[in-house]
Amino acid sequence: MANDNQRKQVASQQASATDQQVQAPEQPDWEEVDEKPAGIDGEYTRQPPPPAGTGELPTDYTRRIRTGIMIVLVTFVGLGGWAGLAPLDGAVIAPGQVLVDSQNRVVQHLEGGIVAELHVRDGSRIEQGQLLLALSDTRARSELEIVESQLLEVLGREARLRAERVAADTIDFPGVLLEQNTEASSNILRGQQSLFESRRESLHGQIAIYEQRISALNQQIQGLSAMNRNLDSRIDSYREELDNWLALFEQELADRTRINEMQRELFRLEGERAGNDSNLAELEIRIGETRSELLVTRQRFAEEVSTQLREAQQSIADLSARQIAVRDTLQRTSLLAPATGTVVGLSVHTIGAVIRPGDTILSIVPEDQQYIVSARVQTPDIDRIRLGQQADVRLSAFNQQTHDIINGELLHISADAFEDDKTGERYYEVRIGVTEQGRQTMDEQGMYMMAGMPAEVMINTGERTALQYLLDPITRMLDRALREE
């Protein structure tokens, strides 16, 4: 029964609802508008009213919202993935200017002089060893002739003294003197040969005098020695005869007078013998003295030769040094280019111009030297750079749209920071050298470097993602904030 009652109530409710739907007036799909809305000039159409009932949006708007959400999600995921995975090159950017590794080659002259020839002008391109200009060489050439003449004379003198020192019969002159084949060299040869012969004759004459004196003394000694031998024989004979007379006198067979005469003669002979011995001793002394004088003469001559030889050798050394210096001066009257490059700053322009000693005549900008870019790195970036890092160099003088960057390498980092006198900004000075690849790029695109050209340097510090770039300041700030005081 209960189930039947429930079924009746449900059926009654459905019937009531059906009646209400039948009796309710029918709603039109749009409302009639009699008047044109204000502010609308063109045609207008009737729009259906929003759907009645539940208030849900049309199916088209829902699809659009879903599409928009998907686009946002895809974009966010794509950008996030790119920021987290895609590598970006990091670099420290620093302004700089071009330097020349060896700087400009300055051409100067030590002594100065008068310009005799001028072969270049400002802007001339020259090769290494090319003649730039020549100075008057009159004074240097005259001085060289004087020095060389003096040197030849001393060389001849030295050769003579060497021959005298060893008592040679001829002089061995040096080849440099024999090869001259000039009137001056011939005069030197004849003069030294004549002096050699005269000095040798003088020495030999003195030696001959001493030797003759010694010979005469020896002859006197020989004569006295012969006399002594004769006296010795007579003395022996008188002594024997005297002994016989004394024996007869003892027998009273001889007279005393005869014995006395024989004794006196014997004493005389012995006295003469003693005088001869004294003369012999004196002659020996005189021979010794003469030999000493001869030795002194030889020694004095040898010492004189040695002294003059030392002086000659010293003069040769001095004159040789002067000759080298004067030849160098003469050679430097022709100024040659020390390097291949371009002439700048020429200070003389006419023949006959006077150049003072030490003045700068011109400068040469080398072409084949390594170019270096000097740049200023800010102090906060110094921990990001290391020697040997690759760098990109942009030359401001060339169009950046048509010319590529130049490859370089970090060669130098200053040991301490500098301070700009004008701005007070502190910086580190770094130097970037152009690599071989960078030189090839410059050659291919017709670029060149000159000292003082402005440049921009980007020192490569490695790869990082965009997310790391964004989070790096935050991590640094957190790192500082989370540290205990």
Protein backbone atom coordinates (compact mmCIF):
# COMPACT_ATOMS: atom_id res chain seq x y z
CA MET A 1 0.00 0.00 0.00
CA ALA A 2 2.81 2.35 0.87
CA ASN A 3 4.46 1.76 -2.47
CA ASP A 4 1.21 2.44 -4.30
CA ASN A 5 0.76 5.71 -2.46
CA GLN A 6 4.30 6.83 -3.39
CA ARG A 7 3.69 6.01 -7.04
CA LYS A 8 0.49 8.08 -7.00
CA GLN A 9 2.24 11.09 -5.46
CA VAL A 10 5.03 11.02 -8.07
CA ALA A 11 2.55 10.75 -10.90
CA SER A 12 0.53 13.61 -9.45
CA GLN A 13 3.64 15.85 -9.25
CA GLN A 14 4.62 15.09 -12.86
CA ALA A 15 1.14 15.91 -14.08
CA SER A 16 1.14 19.19 -12.18
CA ALA A 17 4.45 20.18 -13.71
CA THR A 18 3.16 19.37 -17.18
CA ASP A 19 0.17 21.57 -16.67
CA GLN A 20 2.30 24.48 -15.58
CA GLN A 21 4.45 24.20 -18.68
CA VAL A 22 1.39 24.18 -20.91
CA GLN A 23 -0.21 27.16 -19.19
CA ALA A 24 2.96 29.36 -19.11
CA PRO A 25 3.14 31.96 -21.88
CA GLU A 26 5.68 31.32 -24.61
CA GLN A 27 8.83 33.53 -24.43
CA PRO A 28 9.98 35.02 -27.72
CA ASP A 29 13.56 34.44 -28.93
CA TRP A 30 14.24 38.22 -29.06
CA GLU A 31 12.67 41.43 -28.00
CA GLU A 32 11.22 43.88 -30.43
CA VAL A 33 12.88 47.26 -30.40
CA ASP A 34 11.02 50.03 -32.04
CA GLU A 35 13.64 52.72 -31.88
CA LYS A 36 17.25 52.68 -33.01
CA PRO A 37 19.64 52.83 -30.05
CA ALA A 38 21.39 56.12 -29.65
CA GLY A 39 25.00 56.31 -30.82
CA ILE A 40 24.59 53.64 -33.52
CA ASP A 41 24.88 54.97 -37.04
CA GLY A 42 25.01 51.72 -39.04
CA GLU A 43 22.72 48.79 -39.38
CA TYR A 44 22.00 46.63 -36.40
CA THR A 45 20.52 43.21 -35.93
CA ARG A 46 18.54 41.59 -33.30
CA GLN A 47 20.48 39.48 -30.80
CA PRO A 48 18.95 36.63 -28.90
CA PRO A 49 18.63 37.06 -25.17
CA PRO A 50 20.89 35.09 -22.92
CA PRO A 51 19.69 31.57 -22.38
CA ALA A 52 17.35 31.11 -19.48
CA GLY A 53 17.56 28.49 -16.84
CA THR A 54 20.93 27.42 -15.38
CA GLY A 55 23.12 30.55 -16.40
CA GLU A 56 25.95 28.51 -18.07
CA LEU A 57 28.11 30.17 -20.81
CA PRO A 58 27.83 29.05 -24.40
CA THR A 59 30.01 26.23 -25.55
CA ASP A 60 32.16 28.57 -27.84
CA TYR A 61 33.42 30.73 -24.92
CA THR A 62 34.41 27.70 -22.90
CA ARG A 63 36.52 26.40 -25.78
CA ARG A 64 38.26 29.75 -26.12
CA ILE A 65 39.09 29.93 -22.44
CA ARG A 66 40.53 26.44 -22.55
CA THR A 67 42.61 27.35 -25.61
CA GLY A 68 43.93 30.46 -23.87
CA ILE A 69 44.87 28.52 -20.78
CA MET A 70 46.68 25.95 -22.92
CA ILE A 71 48.60 28.70 -24.75
CA VAL A 72 49.65 30.27 -21.45
CA LEU A 73 50.74 26.90 -20.09
CA VAL A 74 52.68 26.01 -23.23
CA THR A 75 54.31 29.44 -23.31
CA PHE A 76 55.23 29.28 -19.64
CA VAL A 77 56.59 25.75 -19.93
CA GLY A 78 58.50 26.61 -23.12
CA LEU A 79 60.03 29.77 -21.71
CA GLY A 80 60.81 28.03 -18.47
CA GLY A 81 62.47 25.15 -20.26
CA TRP A 82 64.44 27.55 -22.47
CA ALA A 83 65.47 29.62 -19.44
CA GLY A 84 66.58 26.53 -17.57
CA LEU A 85 68.28 24.63 -20.38
CA ALA A 86 69.35 26.94 -23.22
CA PRO A 87 73.00 28.13 -22.72
CA LEU A 88 73.87 31.81 -23.10
CA ASP A 89 77.39 33.14 -23.50
CA GLY A 90 78.53 35.33 -20.61
CA ALA A 91 80.93 38.20 -21.10
CA VAL A 92 82.55 41.09 -19.28
CA ILE A 93 82.28 44.24 -21.38
CA ALA A 94 85.03 46.83 -21.12
CA PRO A 95 85.91 49.93 -23.15
CA GLY A 96 89.45 50.25 -24.44
CA GLN A 97 91.79 51.49 -27.12
CA VAL A 98 94.36 50.00 -29.46
CA LEU A 99 98.02 49.92 -28.54
CA VAL A 100 101.05 48.76 -30.52
CA ASP A 101 103.01 46.08 -28.69
CA SER A 102 106.39 47.57 -29.56
CA GLN A 103 105.15 51.16 -29.84
CA ASN A 104 106.22 53.41 -32.69
CA ARG A 105 109.86 53.13 -33.78
CA VAL A 106 111.50 56.50 -33.20
CA VAL A 107 114.38 57.46 -35.50
CA GLN A 108 116.98 59.75 -33.91
CA HIS A 109 120.62 60.68 -34.54
CA LEU A 110 123.29 60.74 -31.85
CA GLU A 111 125.59 63.41 -33.28
CA GLY A 112 123.22 65.29 -35.57
CA GLY A 113 124.36 66.93 -38.77
CA ILE A 114 123.34 68.53 -42.05
CA VAL A 115 120.75 66.81 -44.26
CA ALA A 116 122.34 65.87 -47.59
CA GLU A 117 119.62 63.56 -48.99
CA LEU A 118 115.92 63.17 -48.17
CA HIS A 119 114.02 60.16 -49.53
CA VAL A 120 110.73 60.04 -47.56
CA ARG A 121 107.92 62.26 -46.40
CA ASP A 122 105.00 61.96 -43.98
CA GLY A 123 102.80 59.01 -44.88
CA SER A 124 105.45 57.21 -46.94
CA ARG A 125 105.34 53.45 -46.64
CA ILE A 126 108.84 52.09 -46.17
CA GLU A 127 110.49 48.68 -45.90
CA GLN A 128 112.96 47.66 -43.23
CA GLY A 129 116.48 48.70 -44.22
CA GLN A 130 115.30 51.32 -46.72
CA LEU A 131 117.30 54.58 -46.85
CA LEU A 132 115.30 57.36 -45.19
CA LEU A 133 117.75 60.25 -45.40
CA ALA A 134 121.50 60.88 -45.44
CA LEU A 135 123.57 63.42 -43.53
CA SER A 136 126.73 65.09 -44.74
CA ASP A 137 129.66 62.72 -44.12
CA THR A 138 132.55 65.14 -44.82
CA ARG A 139 133.67 65.52 -41.23
CA ALA A 140 133.26 61.84 -40.37
CA ARG A 141 135.08 60.70 -43.50
CA SER A 142 138.01 63.07 -42.84
CA GLU A 143 138.30 61.89 -39.26
CA LEU A 144 138.22 58.29 -40.42
CA GLU A 145 141.08 58.92 -42.87
CA ILE A 146 143.18 60.47 -40.09
CA VAL A 147 142.52 57.61 -37.71
CA GLU A 148 143.25 54.95 -40.32
CA SER A 149 146.50 56.71 -41.32
CA GLN A 150 147.62 56.81 -37.68
CA LEU A 151 146.62 53.19 -37.25
CA LEU A 152 148.67 52.07 -40.25
CA GLU A 153 151.71 53.95 -38.95
CA VAL A 154 151.41 52.32 -35.53
CA LEU A 155 150.95 48.89 -37.11
CA GLY A 156 154.20 49.39 -39.03
CA ARG A 157 155.95 50.54 -35.86
CA GLU A 158 154.68 47.51 -33.96
CA ALA A 159 155.96 45.16 -36.68
CA ARG A 160 159.42 46.80 -36.50
CA LEU A 161 159.53 46.58 -32.72
CA ARG A 162 158.54 42.93 -32.81
CA ALA A 163 161.43 42.24 -35.16
CA GLU A 164 163.83 44.20 -32.92
CA ARG A 165 162.68 42.32 -29.85
CA VAL A 166 163.66 38.96 -31.32
CA ALA A 167 166.71 40.38 -33.18
CA ALA A 168 165.26 39.34 -36.53
CA ASP A 169 166.96 40.24 -39.78
CA THR A 170 163.72 41.35 -41.51
CA ILE A 171 160.37 42.87 -40.52
CA ASP A 172 157.19 40.84 -40.88
CA PHE A 173 154.68 43.59 -41.73
CA PRO A 174 150.93 42.87 -41.26
CA GLY A 175 148.81 42.08 -44.28
CA VAL A 176 146.50 45.06 -43.72
CA LEU A 177 149.48 47.34 -44.27
CA LEU A 178 150.85 45.47 -47.26
CA GLU A 179 147.44 45.31 -48.94
CA GLN A 180 146.89 49.07 -48.86
CA ASN A 181 149.13 49.69 -51.87
CA THR A 182 148.96 53.46 -51.39
CA GLU A 183 151.63 56.12 -51.20
CA ALA A 184 151.01 56.55 -47.47
CA SER A 185 151.42 52.84 -46.79
CA SER A 186 154.57 52.70 -48.95
CA ASN A 187 156.07 55.59 -46.98
CA ILE A 188 155.30 53.79 -43.74
CA LEU A 189 156.96 50.60 -44.96
CA ARG A 190 160.08 52.40 -46.16
CA GLY A 191 160.32 54.52 -43.01
CA GLN A 192 160.03 51.60 -40.63
CA GLN A 193 162.46 49.50 -42.64
CA SER A 194 165.02 52.33 -42.65
CA LEU A 195 164.59 52.92 -38.93
CA PHE A 196 164.92 49.21 -38.27
CA GLU A 197 168.21 49.02 -40.13
CA SER A 198 169.69 52.17 -38.56
CA ARG A 199 168.77 51.10 -35.03
CA ARG A 200 170.16 47.65 -35.67
CA GLU A 201 173.43 49.13 -36.99
CA SER A 202 173.66 51.45 -34.00
CA LEU A 203 173.15 48.58 -31.59
CA HIS A 204 175.62 46.41 -33.42
CA GLY A 205 178.14 49.28 -33.40
CA GLN A 206 177.88 49.70 -29.64
CA ILE A 207 178.16 45.96 -29.15
CA ALA A 208 181.20 45.85 -31.44
CA ILE A 209 182.94 48.58 -29.42
CA TYR A 210 182.46 46.68 -26.20
CA GLU A 211 183.56 43.45 -27.79
CA GLN A 212 186.69 45.11 -29.20
CA ARG A 213 187.47 46.54 -25.79
CA ILE A 214 187.10 43.13 -24.24
CA SER A 215 189.28 41.64 -26.95
CA ALA A 216 192.03 44.22 -26.29
CA LEU A 217 191.92 43.55 -22.60
CA ASN A 218 192.14 39.85 -23.26
CA GLN A 219 195.20 40.42 -25.41
CA GLN A 220 196.82 42.41 -22.60
CA ILE A 221 196.06 39.58 -20.26
CA GLN A 222 197.63 37.14 -22.64
CA GLY A 223 200.78 39.33 -22.89
CA LEU A 224 201.11 39.66 -19.16
CA SER A 225 200.52 35.96 -18.77
CA ALA A 226 203.37 35.26 -21.20
CA MET A 227 205.64 37.69 -19.35
CA ASN A 228 204.78 35.97 -16.11
CA ARG A 229 205.66 32.62 -17.54
CA ASN A 230 209.03 34.04 -18.65
CA LEU A 231 209.57 35.63 -15.26
CA ASP A 232 208.72 32.39 -13.55
CA SER A 233 211.41 30.64 -15.57
CA ARG A 234 214.02 33.30 -14.79
CA ILE A 235 213.04 33.31 -11.12
CA ASP A 236 213.42 29.56 -10.94
CA SER A 237 216.79 29.80 -12.68
CA TYR A 238 218.07 32.55 -10.32
CA ARG A 239 216.90 30.64 -7.30
CA GLU A 240 218.77 27.54 -8.40
CA GLU A 241 221.93 29.57 -9.17
CA LEU A 242 221.62 31.44 -5.87
CA ASP A 243 221.39 28.18 -3.99
CA ASN A 244 224.61 27.04 -5.67
CA TRP A 245 226.40 30.27 -4.81
CA LEU A 246 225.25 30.07 -1.24
CA ALA A 247 226.69 26.55 -1.02
CA LEU A 248 230.06 27.83 -2.35
CA PHE A 249 229.90 30.80 0.00
CA GLU A 250 229.53 28.48 2.94
CA GLN A 251 232.67 26.69 1.75
CA GLU A 252 234.34 30.09 1.40
CA LEU A 253 234.77 29.51 -2.26
CA ALA A 254 232.59 32.41 -3.42
CA ASP A 255 232.38 36.13 -2.85
CA ARG A 256 229.46 37.63 -0.90
CA THR A 257 229.05 40.38 -3.47
CA ARG A 258 227.94 38.02 -6.17
CA ILE A 259 225.36 36.47 -3.89
CA ASN A 260 223.94 39.89 -3.03
CA GLU A 261 223.65 40.83 -6.71
CA MET A 262 221.82 37.61 -7.46
CA GLN A 263 219.47 38.12 -4.52
CA ARG A 264 218.66 41.67 -5.69
CA GLU A 265 217.90 40.41 -9.21
CA LEU A 266 215.71 37.67 -7.82
CA PHE A 267 213.77 40.18 -5.74
CA ARG A 268 213.37 42.40 -8.80
CA LEU A 269 212.01 39.53 -10.89
CA GLU A 270 209.60 38.49 -8.18
CA GLY A 271 208.44 42.11 -7.86
CA GLU A 272 207.87 42.34 -11.57
CA ARG A 273 205.96 39.08 -11.38
CA ALA A 274 203.74 40.45 -8.63
CA GLY A 275 203.14 43.64 -10.66
CA ASN A 276 202.05 41.58 -13.60
CA ASP A 277 199.65 39.65 -11.39
CA SER A 278 198.18 42.93 -10.21
CA ASN A 279 197.79 44.13 -13.78
CA LEU A 280 196.15 40.86 -14.72
CA ALA A 281 193.62 41.28 -11.93
CA GLU A 282 192.89 44.83 -13.06
CA LEU A 283 192.45 43.70 -16.63
CA GLU A 284 190.00 40.99 -15.52
CA ILE A 285 188.03 43.65 -13.67
CA ARG A 286 187.97 45.89 -16.72
CA ILE A 287 186.78 42.98 -18.87
CA GLY A 288 183.99 42.31 -16.39
CA GLU A 289 182.99 45.95 -16.40
CA THR A 290 183.00 46.04 -20.19
CA ARG A 291 180.87 42.95 -20.37
CA SER A 292 178.48 44.49 -17.85
CA GLU A 293 178.25 47.62 -19.98
CA LEU A 294 177.56 45.46 -23.01
CA LEU A 295 174.84 43.61 -21.15
CA VAL A 296 173.35 46.88 -19.93
CA THR A 297 173.36 48.19 -23.48
CA ARG A 298 171.53 45.11 -24.69
CA GLN A 299 169.07 45.26 -21.79
CA ARG A 300 168.48 48.96 -22.27
CA PHE A 301 167.74 48.39 -25.94
CA ALA A 302 165.42 45.48 -25.14
CA GLU A 303 163.60 47.50 -22.47
CA GLU A 304 163.27 50.40 -24.85
CA VAL A 305 161.86 48.09 -27.51
CA SER A 306 159.45 46.49 -25.02
CA THR A 307 158.26 49.87 -23.76
CA GLN A 308 157.74 51.19 -27.25
CA LEU A 309 156.01 47.94 -28.23
CA ARG A 310 153.57 48.23 -25.33
CA GLU A 311 152.89 51.84 -26.24
CA ALA A 312 152.37 50.85 -29.86
CA GLN A 313 149.97 48.07 -28.90
CA GLN A 314 148.05 50.45 -26.64
CA SER A 315 147.90 52.97 -29.47
CA ILE A 316 146.63 50.24 -31.80
CA ALA A 317 143.88 49.39 -29.32
CA ASP A 318 142.90 53.04 -28.90
CA LEU A 319 143.01 53.77 -32.61
CA SER A 320 141.07 50.60 -33.42
CA ALA A 321 138.36 51.67 -30.99
CA ARG A 322 138.34 55.15 -32.52
CA GLN A 323 138.20 53.62 -35.97
CA ILE A 324 135.15 51.57 -35.01
CA ALA A 325 133.49 54.64 -33.49
CA VAL A 326 134.23 56.84 -36.49
CA ARG A 327 133.10 54.15 -38.91
CA ASP A 328 129.91 53.84 -36.91
CA THR A 329 129.46 57.59 -37.08
CA LEU A 330 130.08 57.51 -40.82
CA GLN A 331 127.68 54.61 -41.25
CA ARG A 332 125.02 56.41 -39.24
CA THR A 333 125.10 59.34 -41.62
CA SER A 334 122.81 57.10 -43.68
CA LEU A 335 119.59 56.62 -41.71
CA LEU A 336 117.91 53.30 -42.53
CA ALA A 337 114.39 52.22 -41.61
CA PRO A 338 114.44 49.99 -38.50
CA ALA A 339 111.11 48.38 -39.41
CA THR A 340 108.51 48.11 -42.14
CA GLY A 341 105.73 50.61 -41.67
CA THR A 342 104.53 54.15 -42.29
CA VAL A 343 106.48 57.36 -41.72
CA VAL A 344 104.88 59.86 -39.34
CA GLY A 345 106.11 63.01 -37.64
CA LEU A 346 108.89 63.90 -40.11
CA SER A 347 110.69 66.94 -38.64
CA VAL A 348 112.91 67.89 -41.62
CA HIS A 349 111.66 68.67 -45.10
CA THR A 350 114.54 70.31 -47.01
CA ILE A 351 118.11 69.56 -48.02
CA GLY A 352 120.59 71.41 -45.83
CA ALA A 353 118.41 71.37 -42.73
CA VAL A 354 120.35 71.02 -39.49
CA ILE A 355 119.53 68.17 -37.11
CA ARG A 356 120.62 68.63 -33.52
CA PRO A 357 122.10 65.73 -31.55
CA GLY A 358 119.42 63.47 -30.10
CA ASP A 359 116.52 65.14 -31.92
CA THR A 360 113.66 62.94 -33.11
CA ILE A 361 113.76 62.99 -36.90
CA LEU A 362 110.70 60.82 -37.61
CA SER A 363 108.67 57.90 -36.29
CA ILE A 364 107.61 54.68 -37.97
CA VAL A 365 104.31 52.97 -37.23
CA PRO A 366 105.14 49.25 -37.65
CA GLU A 367 102.88 47.09 -39.76
CA ASP A 368 103.96 43.62 -38.71
CA GLN A 369 103.92 44.09 -34.96
CA GLN A 370 101.31 42.59 -32.65
CA TYR A 371 98.46 44.91 -31.81
CA ILE A 372 97.04 44.94 -28.31
CA VAL A 373 93.84 46.41 -26.94
CA SER A 374 94.09 48.00 -23.51
CA ALA A 375 90.73 47.92 -21.71
CA ARG A 376 89.32 48.92 -18.34
CA VAL A 377 87.44 46.25 -16.38
CA GLN A 378 85.23 47.40 -13.52
CA THR A 379 86.30 46.14 -10.11
CA PRO A 380 83.14 44.01 -9.49
CA ASP A 381 83.90 42.00 -12.64
CA ILE A 382 87.53 41.20 -11.85
CA ASP A 383 86.68 37.81 -10.31
CA ARG A 384 85.11 36.67 -13.59
CA ILE A 385 88.17 36.97 -15.79
CA ARG A 386 91.33 34.85 -16.06
CA LEU A 387 94.43 34.93 -18.21
CA GLY A 388 93.99 33.04 -21.46
CA GLN A 389 90.24 33.69 -21.76
CA GLN A 390 88.93 34.34 -25.25
CA ALA A 391 87.67 37.81 -26.02
CA ASP A 392 85.81 39.58 -28.81
CA VAL A 393 87.05 42.96 -29.97
CA ARG A 394 84.92 45.48 -31.82
CA LEU A 395 86.60 48.43 -33.49
CA SER A 396 84.38 51.48 -33.32
CA ALA A 397 85.98 52.94 -36.44
CA PHE A 398 84.41 50.26 -38.67
CA ASN A 399 80.75 49.61 -39.50
CA GLN A 400 79.52 46.92 -37.13
CA GLN A 401 76.93 45.69 -39.65
CA THR A 402 79.50 44.92 -42.33
CA HIS A 403 82.52 43.97 -40.23
CA ASP A 404 82.79 41.02 -37.86
CA ILE A 405 84.22 41.01 -34.39
CA ILE A 406 87.94 40.26 -33.99
CA ASN A 407 89.02 37.26 -31.97
CA GLY A 408 91.47 37.97 -29.13
CA GLU A 409 92.97 36.49 -25.99
CA LEU A 410 93.40 37.94 -22.50
CA LEU A 411 97.15 38.41 -22.00
CA HIS A 412 97.52 40.65 -18.96
CA ILE A 413 95.60 41.69 -15.85
CA SER A 414 96.98 44.49 -13.70
CA ALA A 415 98.03 43.46 -10.21
CA ASP A 416 96.20 46.37 -8.60
CA ALA A 417 93.30 48.65 -9.40
CA PHE A 418 93.73 52.13 -10.84
CA GLU A 419 91.65 55.25 -10.32
CA ASP A 420 90.52 57.54 -13.10
CA ASP A 421 91.75 61.06 -12.38
CA LYS A 422 88.66 62.66 -13.89
CA THR A 423 85.80 60.43 -12.78
CA GLY A 424 87.33 58.79 -9.72
CA GLU A 425 86.14 55.40 -10.97
CA ARG A 426 88.35 52.46 -10.02
CA TYR A 427 89.21 49.85 -12.63
CA TYR A 428 91.64 47.09 -13.54
CA GLU A 429 93.69 47.43 -16.70
CA VAL A 430 93.69 44.38 -18.96
CA ARG A 431 95.33 43.78 -22.30
CA ILE A 432 93.88 41.72 -25.12
CA GLY A 433 96.11 40.38 -27.89
CA VAL A 434 94.71 39.75 -31.35
CA THR A 435 94.95 36.04 -32.23
CA GLU A 436 95.92 34.59 -35.60
CA GLN A 437 92.26 33.97 -36.33
CA GLY A 438 91.56 37.61 -35.54
CA ARG A 439 94.31 38.71 -37.92
CA GLN A 440 92.81 36.58 -40.68
CA THR A 441 89.44 38.21 -40.07
CA MET A 442 91.02 41.65 -40.30
CA ASP A 443 92.83 40.76 -43.53
CA GLU A 444 89.72 39.27 -45.13
CA GLN A 445 87.54 42.27 -44.30
CA GLY A 446 90.14 44.98 -44.87
CA MET A 447 90.31 46.07 -41.25
CA TYR A 448 93.43 47.51 -39.66
CA MET A 449 94.52 48.82 -36.28
CA MET A 450 96.27 52.06 -35.42
CA ALA A 451 97.44 53.16 -32.02
CA GLY A 452 94.75 55.09 -30.20
CA MET A 453 91.73 53.65 -32.04
CA PRO A 454 88.73 53.15 -29.69
CA ALA A 455 87.54 49.60 -29.18
CA GLU A 456 85.03 47.60 -27.18
CA VAL A 457 86.12 44.35 -25.56
CA MET A 458 83.87 41.47 -24.53
CA ILE A 459 85.77 38.93 -22.45
CA ASN A 460 84.01 35.56 -22.63
CA THR A 461 83.31 34.20 -19.15
CA GLY A 462 81.57 30.94 -20.14
CA GLU A 463 78.01 29.68 -20.69
CA ARG A 464 75.07 30.19 -18.31
CA THR A 465 71.33 29.77 -18.70
CA ALA A 466 68.86 32.64 -18.63
CA LEU A 467 67.44 31.26 -15.40
CA GLN A 468 70.88 31.46 -13.81
CA TYR A 469 71.16 35.08 -14.91
CA LEU A 470 67.77 35.83 -13.30
CA LEU A 471 68.40 33.91 -10.10
CA ASP A 472 72.02 34.96 -9.59
CA PRO A 473 71.21 38.34 -7.92
CA ILE A 474 68.60 36.65 -5.74
CA THR A 475 70.97 33.88 -4.62
CA ARG A 476 73.65 36.43 -3.84
CA MET A 477 71.22 38.51 -1.81
CA LEU A 478 70.00 35.43 0.06
CA ASP A 479 73.57 34.28 0.63
CA ARG A 480 74.37 37.59 2.29
CA ALA A 481 71.08 37.82 4.18
CA LEU A 482 71.30 34.33 5.68
CA ARG A 483 74.77 34.79 7.12
CA GLU A 484 75.01 35.29 10.84
CA GLU A 485 76.59 38.56 11.93
